[in-house]
Amino acid sequence: ATPEDVTVVVWPGWRMEEIAESLPTTGLDITPDEFVAA
């Protein structure tokens, strides 16, 4: 039952690296390094 949509949570006070570190658990096919670069 792979959902069509995923949920991404960005907490106030996070720096971009912390957002990046959370992505592997969201279901998005985005690596932390890709996010930091973008």
PDB file of all heavy atoms in Angstrom:
ATOM      1  N   ALA A   1       0.841  -1.207   0.000  1.00  0.00           N
ATOM      2  CA  ALA A   1       0.000   0.000   0.000  1.00  0.00           C
ATOM      3  C   ALA A   1       0.870   1.248   0.000  1.00  0.00           C
ATOM      4  O   ALA A   1       0.843   2.057   0.907  1.00  0.00           O
ATOM      5  CB  ALA A   1      -0.916   0.007   1.217  1.00  0.00           C
ATOM      6  N   THR A   2       1.694   1.392  -1.023  1.00  0.00           N
ATOM      7  CA  THR A   2       2.532   2.584  -1.123  1.00  0.00           C
ATOM      8  C   THR A   2       1.646   3.788  -1.437  1.00  0.00           C
ATOM      9  O   THR A   2       1.003   3.832  -2.484  1.00  0.00           O
ATOM     10  CB  THR A   2       3.581   2.409  -2.236  1.00  0.00           C
ATOM     11  OG1 THR A   2       4.360   1.256  -1.955  1.00  0.00           O
ATOM     12  CG2 THR A   2       4.486   3.620  -2.309  1.00  0.00           C
ATOM     13  N   PRO A   3       1.586   4.780  -0.548  1.00  0.00           N
ATOM     14  CA  PRO A   3       0.693   5.914  -0.780  1.00  0.00           C
ATOM     15  C   PRO A   3       1.171   6.777  -1.944  1.00  0.00           C
ATOM     16  O   PRO A   3       2.372   6.849  -2.229  1.00  0.00           O
ATOM     17  CB  PRO A   3       0.756   6.684   0.547  1.00  0.00           C
ATOM     18  CG  PRO A   3       2.078   6.315   1.129  1.00  0.00           C
ATOM     19  CD  PRO A   3       2.326   4.894   0.720  1.00  0.00           C
ATOM     20  N   GLU A   4       0.235   7.420  -2.602  1.00  0.00           N
ATOM     21  CA  GLU A   4       0.579   8.327  -3.691  1.00  0.00           C
ATOM     22  C   GLU A   4       1.233   9.592  -3.155  1.00  0.00           C
ATOM     23  O   GLU A   4       2.086  10.181  -3.818  1.00  0.00           O
ATOM     24  CB  GLU A   4      -0.677   8.698  -4.479  1.00  0.00           C
ATOM     25  CG  GLU A   4      -1.346   7.527  -5.172  1.00  0.00           C
ATOM     26  CD  GLU A   4      -2.619   7.953  -5.863  1.00  0.00           C
ATOM     27  OE1 GLU A   4      -2.662   9.100  -6.354  1.00  0.00           O
ATOM     28  OE2 GLU A   4      -3.574   7.157  -5.907  1.00  0.00           O
ATOM     29  N   ASP A   5       0.825  10.009  -1.969  1.00  0.00           N
ATOM     30  CA  ASP A   5       1.351  11.232  -1.370  1.00  0.00           C
ATOM     31  C   ASP A   5       2.176  10.905  -0.143  1.00  0.00           C
ATOM     32  O   ASP A   5       1.980   9.873   0.512  1.00  0.00           O
ATOM     33  CB  ASP A   5       0.202  12.171  -0.975  1.00  0.00           C
ATOM     34  CG  ASP A   5      -0.595  12.647  -2.182  1.00  0.00           C
ATOM     35  OD1 ASP A   5       0.009  12.813  -3.252  1.00  0.00           O
ATOM     36  OD2 ASP A   5      -1.814  12.845  -2.048  1.00  0.00           O
ATOM     37  N   VAL A   6       3.111  11.795   0.157  1.00  0.00           N
ATOM     38  CA  VAL A   6       3.931  11.658   1.356  1.00  0.00           C
ATOM     39  C   VAL A   6       3.840  12.948   2.161  1.00  0.00           C
ATOM     40  O   VAL A   6       3.425  13.991   1.651  1.00  0.00           O
ATOM     41  CB  VAL A   6       5.407  11.370   1.001  1.00  0.00           C
ATOM     42  CG1 VAL A   6       5.530  10.097   0.203  1.00  0.00           C
ATOM     43  CG2 VAL A   6       6.020  12.541   0.235  1.00  0.00           C
ATOM     44  N   THR A   7       4.220  12.860   3.433  1.00  0.00           N
ATOM     45  CA  THR A   7       4.174  14.026   4.313  1.00  0.00           C
ATOM     46  C   THR A   7       5.592  14.430   4.694  1.00  0.00           C
ATOM     47  O   THR A   7       6.384  13.608   5.137  1.00  0.00           O
ATOM     48  CB  THR A   7       3.371  13.719   5.586  1.00  0.00           C
ATOM     49  OG1 THR A   7       2.032  13.358   5.205  1.00  0.00           O
ATOM     50  CG2 THR A   7       3.312  14.940   6.497  1.00  0.00           C
ATOM     51  N   VAL A   8       5.887  15.700   4.488  1.00  0.00           N
ATOM     52  CA  VAL A   8       7.185  16.272   4.856  1.00  0.00           C
ATOM     53  C   VAL A   8       6.935  17.328   5.926  1.00  0.00           C
ATOM     54  O   VAL A   8       6.116  18.226   5.735  1.00  0.00           O
ATOM     55  CB  VAL A   8       7.890  16.899   3.638  1.00  0.00           C
ATOM     56  CG1 VAL A   8       9.202  17.580   4.066  1.00  0.00           C
ATOM     57  CG2 VAL A   8       8.154  15.858   2.574  1.00  0.00           C
ATOM     58  N   VAL A   9       7.623  17.198   7.044  1.00  0.00           N
ATOM     59  CA  VAL A   9       7.473  18.155   8.144  1.00  0.00           C
ATOM     60  C   VAL A   9       8.777  18.935   8.299  1.00  0.00           C
ATOM     61  O   VAL A   9       9.855  18.339   8.425  1.00  0.00           O
ATOM     62  CB  VAL A   9       7.121  17.452   9.467  1.00  0.00           C
ATOM     63  CG1 VAL A   9       7.015  18.472  10.597  1.00  0.00           C
ATOM     64  CG2 VAL A   9       5.815  16.678   9.318  1.00  0.00           C
ATOM     65  N   VAL A  10       8.675  20.258   8.271  1.00  0.00           N
ATOM     66  CA  VAL A  10       9.814  21.146   8.516  1.00  0.00           C
ATOM     67  C   VAL A  10       9.536  21.882   9.815  1.00  0.00           C
ATOM     68  O   VAL A  10       8.556  22.631   9.920  1.00  0.00           O
ATOM     69  CB  VAL A  10      10.010  22.143   7.360  1.00  0.00           C
ATOM     70  CG1 VAL A  10      11.155  23.117   7.673  1.00  0.00           C
ATOM     71  CG2 VAL A  10      10.268  21.405   6.050  1.00  0.00           C
ATOM     72  N   TRP A  11      10.388  21.678  10.814  1.00  0.00           N
ATOM     73  CA  TRP A  11      10.172  22.292  12.115  1.00  0.00           C
ATOM     74  C   TRP A  11      10.804  23.676  12.179  1.00  0.00           C
ATOM     75  O   TRP A  11      11.888  23.891  11.631  1.00  0.00           O
ATOM     76  CB  TRP A  11      10.766  21.414  13.221  1.00  0.00           C
ATOM     77  CG  TRP A  11       9.983  20.157  13.439  1.00  0.00           C
ATOM     78  CD1 TRP A  11      10.284  18.922  12.980  1.00  0.00           C
ATOM     79  CD2 TRP A  11       8.742  20.036  14.148  1.00  0.00           C
ATOM     80  NE1 TRP A  11       9.317  18.005  13.357  1.00  0.00           N
ATOM     81  CE2 TRP A  11       8.354  18.671  14.081  1.00  0.00           C
ATOM     82  CE3 TRP A  11       7.927  20.928  14.835  1.00  0.00           C
ATOM     83  CZ2 TRP A  11       7.190  18.195  14.673  1.00  0.00           C
ATOM     84  CZ3 TRP A  11       6.766  20.456  15.422  1.00  0.00           C
ATOM     85  CH2 TRP A  11       6.407  19.114  15.340  1.00  0.00           C
ATOM     86  N   PRO A  12      10.157  24.631  12.849  1.00  0.00           N
ATOM     87  CA  PRO A  12      10.753  25.958  13.022  1.00  0.00           C
ATOM     88  C   PRO A  12      12.110  25.848  13.717  1.00  0.00           C
ATOM     89  O   PRO A  12      12.265  25.097  14.684  1.00  0.00           O
ATOM     90  CB  PRO A  12       9.737  26.694  13.908  1.00  0.00           C
ATOM     91  CG  PRO A  12       8.435  25.972  13.695  1.00  0.00           C
ATOM     92  CD  PRO A  12       8.811  24.539  13.471  1.00  0.00           C
ATOM     93  N   GLY A  13      13.081  26.590  13.213  1.00  0.00           N
ATOM     94  CA  GLY A  13      14.396  26.594  13.826  1.00  0.00           C
ATOM     95  C   GLY A  13      15.367  25.602  13.237  1.00  0.00           C
ATOM     96  O   GLY A  13      16.548  25.601  13.593  1.00  0.00           O
ATOM     97  N   TRP A  14      14.896  24.742  12.329  1.00  0.00           N
ATOM     98  CA  TRP A  14      15.814  23.822  11.659  1.00  0.00           C
ATOM     99  C   TRP A  14      16.667  24.587  10.655  1.00  0.00           C
ATOM    100  O   TRP A  14      16.183  25.501   9.973  1.00  0.00           O
ATOM    101  CB  TRP A  14      15.044  22.743  10.909  1.00  0.00           C
ATOM    102  CG  TRP A  14      14.751  21.523  11.726  1.00  0.00           C
ATOM    103  CD1 TRP A  14      15.047  21.303  13.030  1.00  0.00           C
ATOM    104  CD2 TRP A  14      14.078  20.336  11.258  1.00  0.00           C
ATOM    105  NE1 TRP A  14      14.608  20.054  13.418  1.00  0.00           N
ATOM    106  CE2 TRP A  14      14.014  19.439  12.354  1.00  0.00           C
ATOM    107  CE3 TRP A  14      13.532  19.955  10.037  1.00  0.00           C
ATOM    108  CZ2 TRP A  14      13.429  18.183  12.254  1.00  0.00           C
ATOM    109  CZ3 TRP A  14      12.939  18.710   9.929  1.00  0.00           C
ATOM    110  CH2 TRP A  14      12.889  17.826  11.031  1.00  0.00           C
ATOM    111  N   ARG A  15      17.932  24.217  10.531  1.00  0.00           N
ATOM    112  CA  ARG A  15      18.747  24.683   9.420  1.00  0.00           C
ATOM    113  C   ARG A  15      18.568  23.697   8.272  1.00  0.00           C
ATOM    114  O   ARG A  15      18.035  22.598   8.453  1.00  0.00           O
ATOM    115  CB  ARG A  15      20.211  24.825   9.836  1.00  0.00           C
ATOM    116  CG  ARG A  15      20.820  23.606  10.465  1.00  0.00           C
ATOM    117  CD  ARG A  15      22.191  23.901  11.072  1.00  0.00           C
ATOM    118  NE  ARG A  15      23.213  24.077  10.055  1.00  0.00           N
ATOM    119  CZ  ARG A  15      24.435  24.562  10.292  1.00  0.00           C
ATOM    120  NH1 ARG A  15      24.771  24.934  11.527  1.00  0.00           N
ATOM    121  NH2 ARG A  15      25.315  24.697   9.323  1.00  0.00           N
ATOM    122  N   MET A  16      19.021  24.064   7.084  1.00  0.00           N
ATOM    123  CA  MET A  16      18.696  23.249   5.904  1.00  0.00           C
ATOM    124  C   MET A  16      19.232  21.819   6.022  1.00  0.00           C
ATOM    125  O   MET A  16      18.619  20.879   5.516  1.00  0.00           O
ATOM    126  CB  MET A  16      19.229  23.919   4.632  1.00  0.00           C
ATOM    127  CG  MET A  16      20.726  23.912   4.482  1.00  0.00           C
ATOM    128  SD  MET A  16      21.252  24.466   2.842  1.00  0.00           S
ATOM    129  CE  MET A  16      20.820  26.202   2.933  1.00  0.00           C
ATOM    130  N   GLU A  17      20.357  21.641   6.718  1.00  0.00           N
ATOM    131  CA  GLU A  17      20.898  20.291   6.870  1.00  0.00           C
ATOM    132  C   GLU A  17      19.973  19.397   7.685  1.00  0.00           C
ATOM    133  O   GLU A  17      19.909  18.185   7.453  1.00  0.00           O
ATOM    134  CB  GLU A  17      22.275  20.342   7.526  1.00  0.00           C
ATOM    135  CG  GLU A  17      23.371  20.957   6.673  1.00  0.00           C
ATOM    136  CD  GLU A  17      23.459  22.464   6.808  1.00  0.00           C
ATOM    137  OE1 GLU A  17      22.567  23.063   7.457  1.00  0.00           O
ATOM    138  OE2 GLU A  17      24.420  23.054   6.268  1.00  0.00           O
ATOM    139  N   GLU A  18      19.256  19.984   8.648  1.00  0.00           N
ATOM    140  CA  GLU A  18      18.326  19.195   9.454  1.00  0.00           C
ATOM    141  C   GLU A  18      17.104  18.788   8.631  1.00  0.00           C
ATOM    142  O   GLU A  18      16.575  17.697   8.797  1.00  0.00           O
ATOM    143  CB  GLU A  18      17.921  19.982  10.694  1.00  0.00           C
ATOM    144  CG  GLU A  18      19.066  20.157  11.684  1.00  0.00           C
ATOM    145  CD  GLU A  18      18.694  21.036  12.856  1.00  0.00           C
ATOM    146  OE1 GLU A  18      18.570  22.267  12.654  1.00  0.00           O
ATOM    147  OE2 GLU A  18      18.531  20.514  13.969  1.00  0.00           O
ATOM    148  N   ILE A  19      16.664  19.682   7.754  1.00  0.00           N
ATOM    149  CA  ILE A  19      15.583  19.317   6.834  1.00  0.00           C
ATOM    150  C   ILE A  19      16.047  18.159   5.957  1.00  0.00           C
ATOM    151  O   ILE A  19      15.332  17.175   5.759  1.00  0.00           O
ATOM    152  CB  ILE A  19      15.176  20.516   5.960  1.00  0.00           C
ATOM    153  CG1 ILE A  19      14.710  21.690   6.825  1.00  0.00           C
ATOM    154  CG2 ILE A  19      14.085  20.109   4.964  1.00  0.00           C
ATOM    155  CD1 ILE A  19      14.446  22.963   6.034  1.00  0.00           C
ATOM    156  N   ALA A  20      17.273  18.288   5.455  1.00  0.00           N
ATOM    157  CA  ALA A  20      17.820  17.264   4.567  1.00  0.00           C
ATOM    158  C   ALA A  20      17.882  15.912   5.259  1.00  0.00           C
ATOM    159  O   ALA A  20      17.546  14.879   4.662  1.00  0.00           O
ATOM    160  CB  ALA A  20      19.212  17.682   4.097  1.00  0.00           C
ATOM    161  N   GLU A  21      18.301  15.899   6.516  1.00  0.00           N
ATOM    162  CA  GLU A  21      18.436  14.636   7.252  1.00  0.00           C
ATOM    163  C   GLU A  21      17.100  13.940   7.470  1.00  0.00           C
ATOM    164  O   GLU A  21      17.052  12.725   7.670  1.00  0.00           O
ATOM    165  CB  GLU A  21      19.105  14.904   8.600  1.00  0.00           C
ATOM    166  CG  GLU A  21      20.590  15.236   8.484  1.00  0.00           C
ATOM    167  CD  GLU A  21      21.194  15.660   9.804  1.00  0.00           C
ATOM    168  OE1 GLU A  21      20.421  15.860  10.779  1.00  0.00           O
ATOM    169  OE2 GLU A  21      22.427  15.793   9.883  1.00  0.00           O
ATOM    170  N   SER A  22      15.999  14.698   7.440  1.00  0.00           N
ATOM    171  CA  SER A  22      14.679  14.097   7.670  1.00  0.00           C
ATOM    172  C   SER A  22      14.102  13.446   6.423  1.00  0.00           C
ATOM    173  O   SER A  22      13.161  12.649   6.512  1.00  0.00           O
ATOM    174  CB  SER A  22      13.698  15.166   8.169  1.00  0.00           C
ATOM    175  OG  SER A  22      13.307  16.042   7.104  1.00  0.00           O
ATOM    176  N   LEU A  23      14.646  13.753   5.245  1.00  0.00           N
ATOM    177  CA  LEU A  23      14.025  13.318   3.989  1.00  0.00           C
ATOM    178  C   LEU A  23      14.030  11.817   3.758  1.00  0.00           C
ATOM    179  O   LEU A  23      13.065  11.289   3.184  1.00  0.00           O
ATOM    180  CB  LEU A  23      14.686  14.038   2.811  1.00  0.00           C
ATOM    181  CG  LEU A  23      14.472  15.559   2.785  1.00  0.00           C
ATOM    182  CD1 LEU A  23      15.195  16.176   1.592  1.00  0.00           C
ATOM    183  CD2 LEU A  23      12.992  15.899   2.741  1.00  0.00           C
ATOM    184  N   PRO A  24      15.070  11.072   4.159  1.00  0.00           N
ATOM    185  CA  PRO A  24      15.039   9.622   3.896  1.00  0.00           C
ATOM    186  C   PRO A  24      13.864   8.892   4.527  1.00  0.00           C
ATOM    187  O   PRO A  24      13.517   7.800   4.089  1.00  0.00           O
ATOM    188  CB  PRO A  24      16.377   9.142   4.490  1.00  0.00           C
ATOM    189  CG  PRO A  24      17.281  10.322   4.377  1.00  0.00           C
ATOM    190  CD  PRO A  24      16.393  11.506   4.648  1.00  0.00           C
ATOM    191  N   THR A  25      13.233   9.466   5.545  1.00  0.00           N
ATOM    192  CA  THR A  25      12.098   8.799   6.191  1.00  0.00           C
ATOM    193  C   THR A  25      10.748   9.251   5.625  1.00  0.00           C
ATOM    194  O   THR A  25       9.714   8.777   6.073  1.00  0.00           O
ATOM    195  CB  THR A  25      12.114   9.077   7.708  1.00  0.00           C
ATOM    196  OG1 THR A  25      11.960  10.489   7.943  1.00  0.00           O
ATOM    197  CG2 THR A  25      13.416   8.608   8.329  1.00  0.00           C
ATOM    198  N   THR A  26      10.759  10.170   4.650  1.00  0.00           N
ATOM    199  CA  THR A  26       9.498  10.708   4.135  1.00  0.00           C
ATOM    200  C   THR A  26       8.899   9.887   3.005  1.00  0.00           C
ATOM    201  O   THR A  26       7.696   9.966   2.755  1.00  0.00           O
ATOM    202  CB  THR A  26       9.695  12.145   3.628  1.00  0.00           C
ATOM    203  OG1 THR A  26      10.603  12.122   2.497  1.00  0.00           O
ATOM    204  CG2 THR A  26      10.253  13.043   4.727  1.00  0.00           C
ATOM    205  N   GLY A  27       9.726   9.122   2.304  1.00  0.00           N
ATOM    206  CA  GLY A  27       9.244   8.413   1.124  1.00  0.00           C
ATOM    207  C   GLY A  27       9.595   9.111  -0.173  1.00  0.00           C
ATOM    208  O   GLY A  27       9.359   8.573  -1.256  1.00  0.00           O
ATOM    209  N   LEU A  28      10.175  10.323  -0.094  1.00  0.00           N
ATOM    210  CA  LEU A  28      10.626  11.013  -1.295  1.00  0.00           C
ATOM    211  C   LEU A  28      11.971  10.437  -1.738  1.00  0.00           C
ATOM    212  O   LEU A  28      12.812  10.074  -0.916  1.00  0.00           O
ATOM    213  CB  LEU A  28      10.787  12.513  -1.030  1.00  0.00           C
ATOM    214  CG  LEU A  28       9.515  13.324  -0.788  1.00  0.00           C
ATOM    215  CD1 LEU A  28       9.868  14.771  -0.488  1.00  0.00           C
ATOM    216  CD2 LEU A  28       8.574  13.244  -1.983  1.00  0.00           C
ATOM    217  N   ASP A  29      12.161  10.398  -3.031  1.00  0.00           N
ATOM    218  CA  ASP A  29      13.423   9.890  -3.576  1.00  0.00           C
ATOM    219  C   ASP A  29      14.399  11.063  -3.727  1.00  0.00           C
ATOM    220  O   ASP A  29      14.811  11.418  -4.836  1.00  0.00           O
ATOM    221  CB  ASP A  29      13.175   9.206  -4.920  1.00  0.00           C
ATOM    222  CG  ASP A  29      14.413   8.500  -5.454  1.00  0.00           C
ATOM    223  OD1 ASP A  29      15.331   8.235  -4.648  1.00  0.00           O
ATOM    224  OD2 ASP A  29      14.464   8.229  -6.668  1.00  0.00           O
ATOM    225  N   ILE A  30      14.733  11.674  -2.587  1.00  0.00           N
ATOM    226  CA  ILE A  30      15.642  12.822  -2.548  1.00  0.00           C
ATOM    227  C   ILE A  30      16.675  12.556  -1.465  1.00  0.00           C
ATOM    228  O   ILE A  30      16.319  12.320  -0.308  1.00  0.00           O
ATOM    229  CB  ILE A  30      14.890  14.135  -2.235  1.00  0.00           C
ATOM    230  CG1 ILE A  30      13.819  14.412  -3.298  1.00  0.00           C
ATOM    231  CG2 ILE A  30      15.876  15.304  -2.159  1.00  0.00           C
ATOM    232  CD1 ILE A  30      12.942  15.606  -2.966  1.00  0.00           C
ATOM    233  N   THR A  31      17.940  12.611  -1.825  1.00  0.00           N
ATOM    234  CA  THR A  31      18.977  12.383  -0.836  1.00  0.00           C
ATOM    235  C   THR A  31      19.272  13.671  -0.083  1.00  0.00           C
ATOM    236  O   THR A  31      19.026  14.775  -0.595  1.00  0.00           O
ATOM    237  CB  THR A  31      20.277  11.887  -1.491  1.00  0.00           C
ATOM    238  OG1 THR A  31      20.833  12.960  -2.286  1.00  0.00           O
ATOM    239  CG2 THR A  31      20.015  10.676  -2.376  1.00  0.00           C
ATOM    240  N   PRO A  32      19.800  13.574   1.142  1.00  0.00           N
ATOM    241  CA  PRO A  32      20.175  14.780   1.883  1.00  0.00           C
ATOM    242  C   PRO A  32      21.135  15.679   1.108  1.00  0.00           C
ATOM    243  O   PRO A  32      20.979  16.907   1.109  1.00  0.00           O
ATOM    244  CB  PRO A  32      20.810  14.218   3.154  1.00  0.00           C
ATOM    245  CG  PRO A  32      20.122  12.903   3.361  1.00  0.00           C
ATOM    246  CD  PRO A  32      19.933  12.362   1.980  1.00  0.00           C
ATOM    247  N   ASP A  33      22.111  15.080   0.442  1.00  0.00           N
ATOM    248  CA  ASP A  33      23.078  15.885  -0.311  1.00  0.00           C
ATOM    249  C   ASP A  33      22.412  16.643  -1.452  1.00  0.00           C
ATOM    250  O   ASP A  33      22.757  17.808  -1.727  1.00  0.00           O
ATOM    251  CB  ASP A  33      24.186  14.984  -0.873  1.00  0.00           C
ATOM    252  CG  ASP A  33      25.142  14.497   0.203  1.00  0.00           C
ATOM    253  OD1 ASP A  33      25.124  15.068   1.319  1.00  0.00           O
ATOM    254  OD2 ASP A  33      25.894  13.546  -0.061  1.00  0.00           O
ATOM    255  N   GLU A  34      21.453  16.003  -2.117  1.00  0.00           N
ATOM    256  CA  GLU A  34      20.736  16.677  -3.205  1.00  0.00           C
ATOM    257  C   GLU A  34      19.965  17.881  -2.684  1.00  0.00           C
ATOM    258  O   GLU A  34      19.943  18.951  -3.314  1.00  0.00           O
ATOM    259  CB  GLU A  34      19.774  15.697  -3.884  1.00  0.00           C
ATOM    260  CG  GLU A  34      20.453  14.639  -4.744  1.00  0.00           C
ATOM    261  CD  GLU A  34      19.475  13.601  -5.250  1.00  0.00           C
ATOM    262  OE1 GLU A  34      18.401  13.428  -4.636  1.00  0.00           O
ATOM    263  OE2 GLU A  34      19.790  12.949  -6.258  1.00  0.00           O
ATOM    264  N   PHE A  35      19.333  17.716  -1.515  1.00  0.00           N
ATOM    265  CA  PHE A  35      18.556  18.818  -0.969  1.00  0.00           C
ATOM    266  C   PHE A  35      19.453  19.982  -0.564  1.00  0.00           C
ATOM    267  O   PHE A  35      19.154  21.146  -0.865  1.00  0.00           O
ATOM    268  CB  PHE A  35      17.734  18.359   0.234  1.00  0.00           C
ATOM    269  CG  PHE A  35      16.912  19.464   0.834  1.00  0.00           C
ATOM    270  CD1 PHE A  35      15.682  19.800   0.284  1.00  0.00           C
ATOM    271  CD2 PHE A  35      17.363  20.193   1.928  1.00  0.00           C
ATOM    272  CE1 PHE A  35      14.919  20.846   0.813  1.00  0.00           C
ATOM    273  CE2 PHE A  35      16.611  21.218   2.462  1.00  0.00           C
ATOM    274  CZ  PHE A  35      15.388  21.550   1.906  1.00  0.00           C
ATOM    275  N   VAL A  36      20.554  19.696   0.121  1.00  0.00           N
ATOM    276  CA  VAL A  36      21.466  20.760   0.556  1.00  0.00           C
ATOM    277  C   VAL A  36      22.020  21.511  -0.654  1.00  0.00           C
ATOM    278  O   VAL A  36      22.132  22.741  -0.638  1.00  0.00           O
ATOM    279  CB  VAL A  36      22.606  20.186   1.417  1.00  0.00           C
ATOM    280  CG1 VAL A  36      23.676  21.234   1.668  1.00  0.00           C
ATOM    281  CG2 VAL A  36      22.053  19.683   2.750  1.00  0.00           C
ATOM    282  N   ALA A  37      22.337  20.774  -1.718  1.00  0.00           N
ATOM    283  CA  ALA A  37      22.854  21.416  -2.920  1.00  0.00           C
ATOM    284  C   ALA A  37      21.817  22.331  -3.552  1.00  0.00           C
ATOM    285  O   ALA A  37      22.128  23.456  -3.988  1.00  0.00           O
ATOM    286  CB  ALA A  37      23.318  20.363  -3.926  1.00  0.00           C
ATOM    287  N   ALA A  38      20.561  21.874  -3.589  1.00  0.00           N
ATOM    288  CA  ALA A  38      19.498  22.666  -4.215  1.00  0.00           C
ATOM    289  C   ALA A  38      19.114  23.869  -3.350  1.00  0.00           C
ATOM    290  O   ALA A  38      18.973  24.986  -3.852  1.00  0.00           O
ATOM    291  CB  ALA A  38      18.280  21.790  -4.478  1.00  0.00           C
TER     292      ALA A  38
END
